[in-house]
């Protein structure tokens, strides 16, 4: 008999607050994954896992030192066949896991949430998102 793996700290961090938030139609996304148009910030561990599993060149470092997924054909390189190729992987970026509700640290996502088609369609969700506590 196998024992289920314990959730990682990152998984636990997003599990509790997200449990009280409405589920969004993210995978597959009915909005052509508009949030994937910019790539995403990844941690060192996430970047290493992505490149280990999907090959080199999927992540790059900005001059500021921030690591980001590459964008090709106006979508994150992890967007494939109508959805995120890594959405169910343990190295799915924390920024993506929490979007559009929470940032990677567990506080309210502070940037433009209108890139999520569902929030653009349902303004009441924007108000719900704005009511979440910020990370500071």
C-alpha atoms as a PDB file:
ATOM      1  CA  UNK A   1       0.000   0.000   0.000  1.00  0.00           C
ATOM      2  CA  UNK A   2       1.370   3.424  -0.901  1.00  0.00           C
ATOM      3  CA  UNK A   3       0.987   6.474   1.258  1.00  0.00           C
ATOM      4  CA  UNK A   4       0.022   9.717  -0.461  1.00  0.00           C
ATOM      5  CA  UNK A   5       2.818  12.259  -0.529  1.00  0.00           C
ATOM      6  CA  UNK A   6       2.580  15.034   2.006  1.00  0.00           C
ATOM      7  CA  UNK A   7       1.797  18.411   0.501  1.00  0.00           C
ATOM      8  CA  UNK A   8       4.766  20.703   0.090  1.00  0.00           C
ATOM      9  CA  UNK A   9       4.946  23.984   1.995  1.00  0.00           C
ATOM     10  CA  UNK A  10       4.065  25.776  -1.215  1.00  0.00           C
ATOM     11  CA  UNK A  11       1.025  23.546  -1.802  1.00  0.00           C
ATOM     12  CA  UNK A  12      -0.193  24.055   1.787  1.00  0.00           C
ATOM     13  CA  UNK A  13       0.364  27.803   1.494  1.00  0.00           C
ATOM     14  CA  UNK A  14      -2.112  28.056  -1.392  1.00  0.00           C
ATOM     15  CA  UNK A  15      -4.533  25.331  -0.313  1.00  0.00           C
ATOM     16  CA  UNK A  16      -6.199  27.041   2.639  1.00  0.00           C
ATOM     17  CA  UNK A  17      -6.924  30.537   1.226  1.00  0.00           C
ATOM     18  CA  UNK A  18      -7.865  29.157  -2.195  1.00  0.00           C
ATOM     19  CA  UNK A  19     -10.349  26.731  -0.631  1.00  0.00           C
ATOM     20  CA  UNK A  20     -12.624  29.678   0.159  1.00  0.00           C
ATOM     21  CA  UNK A  21     -12.273  31.309  -3.267  1.00  0.00           C
ATOM     22  CA  UNK A  22     -14.393  30.433  -6.296  1.00  0.00           C
ATOM     23  CA  UNK A  23     -12.848  28.006  -8.736  1.00  0.00           C
ATOM     24  CA  UNK A  24     -11.989  29.519 -12.098  1.00  0.00           C
ATOM     25  CA  UNK A  25     -12.142  27.772 -15.484  1.00  0.00           C
ATOM     26  CA  UNK A  26      -8.366  27.703 -15.867  1.00  0.00           C
ATOM     27  CA  UNK A  27      -7.624  24.367 -17.471  1.00  0.00           C
ATOM     28  CA  UNK A  28      -8.568  24.322 -20.200  1.00  0.00           C
ATOM     29  CA  UNK A  29      -9.027  28.065 -20.289  1.00  0.00           C
ATOM     30  CA  UNK A  30     -12.006  29.398 -22.267  1.00  0.00           C
ATOM     31  CA  UNK A  31     -10.175  32.721 -22.714  1.00  0.00           C
ATOM     32  CA  UNK A  32      -7.230  31.483 -24.783  1.00  0.00           C
ATOM     33  CA  UNK A  33      -5.009  31.650 -21.688  1.00  0.00           C
ATOM     34  CA  UNK A  34      -4.663  35.414 -21.768  1.00  0.00           C
ATOM     35  CA  UNK A  35      -2.710  35.284 -18.493  1.00  0.00           C
ATOM     36  CA  UNK A  36      -0.053  33.168 -20.225  1.00  0.00           C
ATOM     37  CA  UNK A  37       0.770  35.962 -22.688  1.00  0.00           C
ATOM     38  CA  UNK A  38       3.549  37.309 -20.487  1.00  0.00           C
ATOM     39  CA  UNK A  39       5.357  34.275 -19.169  1.00  0.00           C
ATOM     40  CA  UNK A  40       5.813  34.111 -15.425  1.00  0.00           C
ATOM     41  CA  UNK A  41       8.314  34.618 -12.657  1.00  0.00           C
ATOM     42  CA  UNK A  42       9.772  31.372 -11.321  1.00  0.00           C
ATOM     43  CA  UNK A  43      11.961  30.489  -8.377  1.00  0.00           C
ATOM     44  CA  UNK A  44      15.394  28.921  -8.789  1.00  0.00           C
ATOM     45  CA  UNK A  45      13.916  25.513  -7.898  1.00  0.00           C
ATOM     46  CA  UNK A  46      10.981  25.903 -10.296  1.00  0.00           C
ATOM     47  CA  UNK A  47      13.319  27.003 -13.103  1.00  0.00           C
ATOM     48  CA  UNK A  48      15.644  24.043 -12.519  1.00  0.00           C
ATOM     49  CA  UNK A  49      12.729  21.582 -12.487  1.00  0.00           C
ATOM     50  CA  UNK A  50      11.196  23.070 -15.637  1.00  0.00           C
ATOM     51  CA  UNK A  51      14.457  22.839 -17.529  1.00  0.00           C
ATOM     52  CA  UNK A  52      15.203  19.368 -16.182  1.00  0.00           C
ATOM     53  CA  UNK A  53      11.796  18.086 -17.329  1.00  0.00           C
ATOM     54  CA  UNK A  54      11.333  20.138 -20.521  1.00  0.00           C
ATOM     55  CA  UNK A  55      14.821  20.960 -21.711  1.00  0.00           C
ATOM     56  CA  UNK A  56      17.057  24.033 -21.644  1.00  0.00           C
ATOM     57  CA  UNK A  57      16.001  27.460 -22.823  1.00  0.00           C
ATOM     58  CA  UNK A  58      12.541  27.521 -21.249  1.00  0.00           C
ATOM     59  CA  UNK A  59      13.617  30.018 -18.587  1.00  0.00           C
ATOM     60  CA  UNK A  60      15.807  33.115 -18.723  1.00  0.00           C
ATOM     61  CA  UNK A  61      17.218  35.585 -16.198  1.00  0.00           C
ATOM     62  CA  UNK A  62      16.486  39.311 -16.392  1.00  0.00           C
ATOM     63  CA  UNK A  63      19.240  41.817 -15.653  1.00  0.00           C
ATOM     64  CA  UNK A  64      17.572  42.324 -12.276  1.00  0.00           C
ATOM     65  CA  UNK A  65      18.163  38.628 -11.518  1.00  0.00           C
ATOM     66  CA  UNK A  66      14.497  37.598 -11.795  1.00  0.00           C
ATOM     67  CA  UNK A  67      13.916  34.259 -13.534  1.00  0.00           C
ATOM     68  CA  UNK A  68      11.033  34.086 -16.031  1.00  0.00           C
ATOM     69  CA  UNK A  69       9.585  31.586 -18.449  1.00  0.00           C
ATOM     70  CA  UNK A  70      10.148  32.462 -22.085  1.00  0.00           C
ATOM     71  CA  UNK A  71       7.370  33.682 -24.348  1.00  0.00           C
ATOM     72  CA  UNK A  72       7.019  32.306 -27.866  1.00  0.00           C
ATOM     73  CA  UNK A  73       4.120  32.886 -30.237  1.00  0.00           C
ATOM     74  CA  UNK A  74       2.616  35.329 -27.709  1.00  0.00           C
ATOM     75  CA  UNK A  75       2.295  32.704 -24.946  1.00  0.00           C
ATOM     76  CA  UNK A  76       4.451  31.235 -22.199  1.00  0.00           C
ATOM     77  CA  UNK A  77       6.497  28.328 -23.576  1.00  0.00           C
ATOM     78  CA  UNK A  78       4.712  26.055 -21.110  1.00  0.00           C
ATOM     79  CA  UNK A  79       1.373  26.801 -22.828  1.00  0.00           C
ATOM     80  CA  UNK A  80       0.894  23.860 -25.193  1.00  0.00           C
ATOM     81  CA  UNK A  81      -2.101  22.248 -26.871  1.00  0.00           C
ATOM     82  CA  UNK A  82      -4.588  24.704 -25.359  1.00  0.00           C
ATOM     83  CA  UNK A  83      -3.351  24.575 -21.775  1.00  0.00           C
ATOM     84  CA  UNK A  84      -0.414  24.699 -19.420  1.00  0.00           C
ATOM     85  CA  UNK A  85       1.813  21.662 -19.844  1.00  0.00           C
ATOM     86  CA  UNK A  86       2.886  21.842 -16.195  1.00  0.00           C
ATOM     87  CA  UNK A  87      -0.322  22.844 -14.366  1.00  0.00           C
ATOM     88  CA  UNK A  88      -0.444  19.504 -12.550  1.00  0.00           C
ATOM     89  CA  UNK A  89       3.271  19.270 -11.744  1.00  0.00           C
ATOM     90  CA  UNK A  90       4.852  19.974  -8.344  1.00  0.00           C
ATOM     91  CA  UNK A  91       7.025  22.632 -10.023  1.00  0.00           C
ATOM     92  CA  UNK A  92       4.020  24.545 -11.402  1.00  0.00           C
ATOM     93  CA  UNK A  93       5.088  28.119 -10.594  1.00  0.00           C
ATOM     94  CA  UNK A  94       3.687  29.579  -7.378  1.00  0.00           C
ATOM     95  CA  UNK A  95       2.723  32.744  -9.263  1.00  0.00           C
ATOM     96  CA  UNK A  96       0.549  30.699 -11.645  1.00  0.00           C
ATOM     97  CA  UNK A  97      -0.863  28.533  -8.880  1.00  0.00           C
ATOM     98  CA  UNK A  98      -2.135  31.559  -6.999  1.00  0.00           C
ATOM     99  CA  UNK A  99      -3.185  33.760  -9.916  1.00  0.00           C
ATOM    100  CA  UNK A 100      -5.371  35.824  -9.920  1.00  0.00           C
ATOM    101  CA  UNK A 101      -5.984  35.590  -6.205  1.00  0.00           C
ATOM    102  CA  UNK A 102      -2.622  35.272  -4.463  1.00  0.00           C
ATOM    103  CA  UNK A 103       0.987  36.066  -5.222  1.00  0.00           C
ATOM    104  CA  UNK A 104       3.874  33.664  -4.671  1.00  0.00           C
ATOM    105  CA  UNK A 105       4.206  34.753  -1.020  1.00  0.00           C
ATOM    106  CA  UNK A 106       0.527  34.121  -0.212  1.00  0.00           C
ATOM    107  CA  UNK A 107      -0.638  37.752  -0.158  1.00  0.00           C
ATOM    108  CA  UNK A 108      -3.095  39.302  -2.587  1.00  0.00           C
ATOM    109  CA  UNK A 109      -1.914  39.358  -6.206  1.00  0.00           C
ATOM    110  CA  UNK A 110      -1.220  43.075  -6.636  1.00  0.00           C
ATOM    111  CA  UNK A 111      -0.865  43.387 -10.407  1.00  0.00           C
ATOM    112  CA  UNK A 112      -3.408  43.623 -13.221  1.00  0.00           C
ATOM    113  CA  UNK A 113      -6.011  40.887 -12.723  1.00  0.00           C
ATOM    114  CA  UNK A 114      -7.961  41.977 -15.805  1.00  0.00           C
ATOM    115  CA  UNK A 115      -5.696  39.727 -17.869  1.00  0.00           C
ATOM    116  CA  UNK A 116      -7.869  36.892 -16.535  1.00  0.00           C
ATOM    117  CA  UNK A 117     -10.861  36.644 -18.869  1.00  0.00           C
ATOM    118  CA  UNK A 118     -13.097  35.260 -16.116  1.00  0.00           C
ATOM    119  CA  UNK A 119     -12.416  38.268 -13.868  1.00  0.00           C
ATOM    120  CA  UNK A 120     -13.083  40.586 -16.796  1.00  0.00           C
ATOM    121  CA  UNK A 121     -16.403  38.799 -17.377  1.00  0.00           C
ATOM    122  CA  UNK A 122     -17.410  38.701 -13.695  1.00  0.00           C
ATOM    123  CA  UNK A 123     -16.621  42.032 -11.961  1.00  0.00           C
ATOM    124  CA  UNK A 124     -17.809  40.651  -8.604  1.00  0.00           C
ATOM    125  CA  UNK A 125     -14.705  38.452  -8.629  1.00  0.00           C
ATOM    126  CA  UNK A 126     -12.487  41.523  -8.928  1.00  0.00           C
ATOM    127  CA  UNK A 127     -14.100  42.926  -5.779  1.00  0.00           C
ATOM    128  CA  UNK A 128     -13.549  39.613  -4.013  1.00  0.00           C
ATOM    129  CA  UNK A 129      -9.894  39.637  -5.104  1.00  0.00           C
ATOM    130  CA  UNK A 130      -9.407  43.223  -3.895  1.00  0.00           C
ATOM    131  CA  UNK A 131     -10.779  42.258  -0.475  1.00  0.00           C
ATOM    132  CA  UNK A 132      -8.000  39.708   0.087  1.00  0.00           C
ATOM    133  CA  UNK A 133      -5.229  40.811   2.461  1.00  0.00           C
ATOM    134  CA  UNK A 134      -2.026  42.053   0.863  1.00  0.00           C
ATOM    135  CA  UNK A 135       1.337  40.454   1.628  1.00  0.00           C
ATOM    136  CA  UNK A 136       2.630  43.457   3.551  1.00  0.00           C
END
